[in-house]
Amino acid sequence: LKTPARVFTLLRNETPFGGVTETRRFEGVTWGDFAPRPPTEAPAGEGVLRLRQYAEFTCRSAAPAVRGSVLTIRGEDWTVLSVSSDADDQILITLERRR
């Protein structure tokens, strides 16, 4: 467990004008093993390509990490897609990053 990850939950509030503001609330730091996959290109409409990258983060404790929260690892923001645990009480977090 060599990599620190800062965990943030996203708070969304509707504005009086019908928009939405999104703020982050710091929940803590968890340590784990970070395994990013190579990025791939994905079409984003009208000839624009965006990079999409997936990763796995394995740790022992990730109580504040839930689907939709954000982990900041090595200065990059990763969105949590899923959180699961195995028989050895290891937590596996599947992450996605888009650029």
Protein backbone atom coordinates (compact mmCIF):
# COMPACT_ATOMS: atom_id res chain seq x y z
CA LEU A 1 0.00 0.00 0.00
CA LYS A 2 2.28 2.69 -1.33
CA THR A 3 0.06 5.35 -2.87
CA PRO A 4 -1.94 7.98 -0.93
CA ALA A 5 -5.36 9.02 -2.23
CA ARG A 6 -7.28 12.04 -1.00
CA VAL A 7 -11.01 11.25 -0.85
CA PHE A 8 -13.66 13.88 -1.62
CA THR A 9 -17.44 13.67 -1.73
CA LEU A 10 -19.29 15.91 -4.16
CA LEU A 11 -22.01 18.18 -2.83
CA ARG A 12 -24.50 19.44 -5.42
CA ASN A 13 -26.83 22.35 -4.72
CA GLU A 14 -29.38 23.94 -7.01
CA THR A 15 -28.97 27.68 -7.56
CA PRO A 16 -31.90 30.12 -7.54
CA PHE A 17 -31.46 30.45 -11.31
CA GLY A 18 -31.97 26.75 -12.06
CA GLY A 19 -28.29 25.83 -12.29
CA VAL A 20 -26.28 23.53 -10.09
CA THR A 21 -23.16 24.25 -8.07
CA GLU A 22 -20.80 21.47 -7.20
CA THR A 23 -18.39 21.65 -4.29
CA ARG A 24 -16.05 19.09 -2.80
CA ARG A 25 -15.84 18.05 0.82
CA PHE A 26 -12.57 16.49 1.97
CA GLU A 27 -13.21 13.17 3.71
CA GLY A 28 -9.70 11.89 4.42
CA VAL A 29 -6.71 10.04 3.01
CA THR A 30 -6.45 6.34 2.28
CA TRP A 31 -3.38 4.39 1.20
CA GLY A 32 -3.46 1.68 -1.44
CA ASP A 33 -2.04 0.13 -4.58
CA PHE A 34 -2.78 2.16 -7.70
CA ALA A 35 -2.92 0.40 -11.09
CA PRO A 36 -3.86 2.70 -13.99
CA ARG A 37 -4.62 1.27 -17.43
CA PRO A 38 -3.43 2.95 -20.64
CA PRO A 39 -5.70 5.81 -21.77
CA THR A 40 -8.00 5.33 -24.77
CA GLU A 41 -9.60 7.86 -27.11
CA ALA A 42 -13.38 8.19 -27.13
CA PRO A 43 -15.47 10.35 -29.50
CA ALA A 44 -17.13 13.31 -27.77
CA GLY A 45 -19.18 14.58 -30.73
CA GLU A 46 -18.45 16.74 -33.77
CA GLY A 47 -15.03 15.23 -34.44
CA VAL A 48 -13.73 15.89 -30.91
CA LEU A 49 -11.85 13.09 -29.20
CA ARG A 50 -11.51 12.83 -25.45
CA LEU A 51 -9.14 10.64 -23.51
CA ARG A 52 -10.67 8.17 -21.12
CA GLN A 53 -8.63 6.18 -18.63
CA TYR A 54 -9.57 3.52 -16.10
CA ALA A 55 -7.68 2.39 -13.01
CA GLU A 56 -8.00 0.16 -9.99
CA PHE A 57 -7.14 1.21 -6.45
CA THR A 58 -6.84 -1.57 -3.86
CA CYS A 59 -6.83 -0.63 -0.17
CA ARG A 60 -7.84 -1.89 3.27
CA SER A 61 -10.18 0.93 4.25
CA ALA A 62 -12.14 3.30 2.04
CA ALA A 63 -15.24 4.12 4.08
CA PRO A 64 -15.76 7.60 2.56
CA ALA A 65 -15.21 6.39 -1.02
CA VAL A 66 -18.60 5.74 -2.62
CA ARG A 67 -19.76 5.70 -6.22
CA GLY A 68 -19.53 9.23 -7.61
CA SER A 69 -16.95 10.48 -5.13
CA VAL A 70 -13.50 11.64 -6.25
CA LEU A 71 -10.05 10.30 -5.39
CA THR A 72 -7.09 12.57 -6.05
CA ILE A 73 -4.07 10.41 -6.78
CA ARG A 74 -0.71 11.82 -7.90
CA GLY A 75 -2.35 15.18 -8.56
CA GLU A 76 -5.06 13.77 -10.88
CA ASP A 77 -8.78 13.53 -10.12
CA TRP A 78 -10.39 10.12 -10.58
CA THR A 79 -14.15 9.46 -10.33
CA VAL A 80 -15.20 6.36 -8.37
CA LEU A 81 -17.24 4.01 -10.56
CA SER A 82 -17.59 1.14 -8.09
CA VAL A 83 -16.42 -0.08 -4.67
CA SER A 84 -16.30 -3.77 -3.78
CA SER A 85 -14.57 -6.01 -1.25
CA ASP A 86 -13.18 -9.53 -1.42
CA ALA A 87 -12.92 -12.37 1.10
CA ASP A 88 -9.60 -10.99 2.43
CA ASP A 89 -11.23 -7.66 3.36
CA GLN A 90 -9.38 -5.88 0.55
CA ILE A 91 -11.35 -3.01 -0.99
CA LEU A 92 -11.24 -2.70 -4.79
CA ILE A 93 -12.18 0.70 -6.20
CA THR A 94 -12.67 1.07 -9.94
CA LEU A 95 -11.85 4.58 -11.16
CA GLU A 96 -12.28 6.64 -14.33
CA ARG A 97 -10.61 9.82 -15.54
CA ARG A 98 -11.64 11.86 -18.58
CA ARG A 99 -9.66 14.56 -20.29
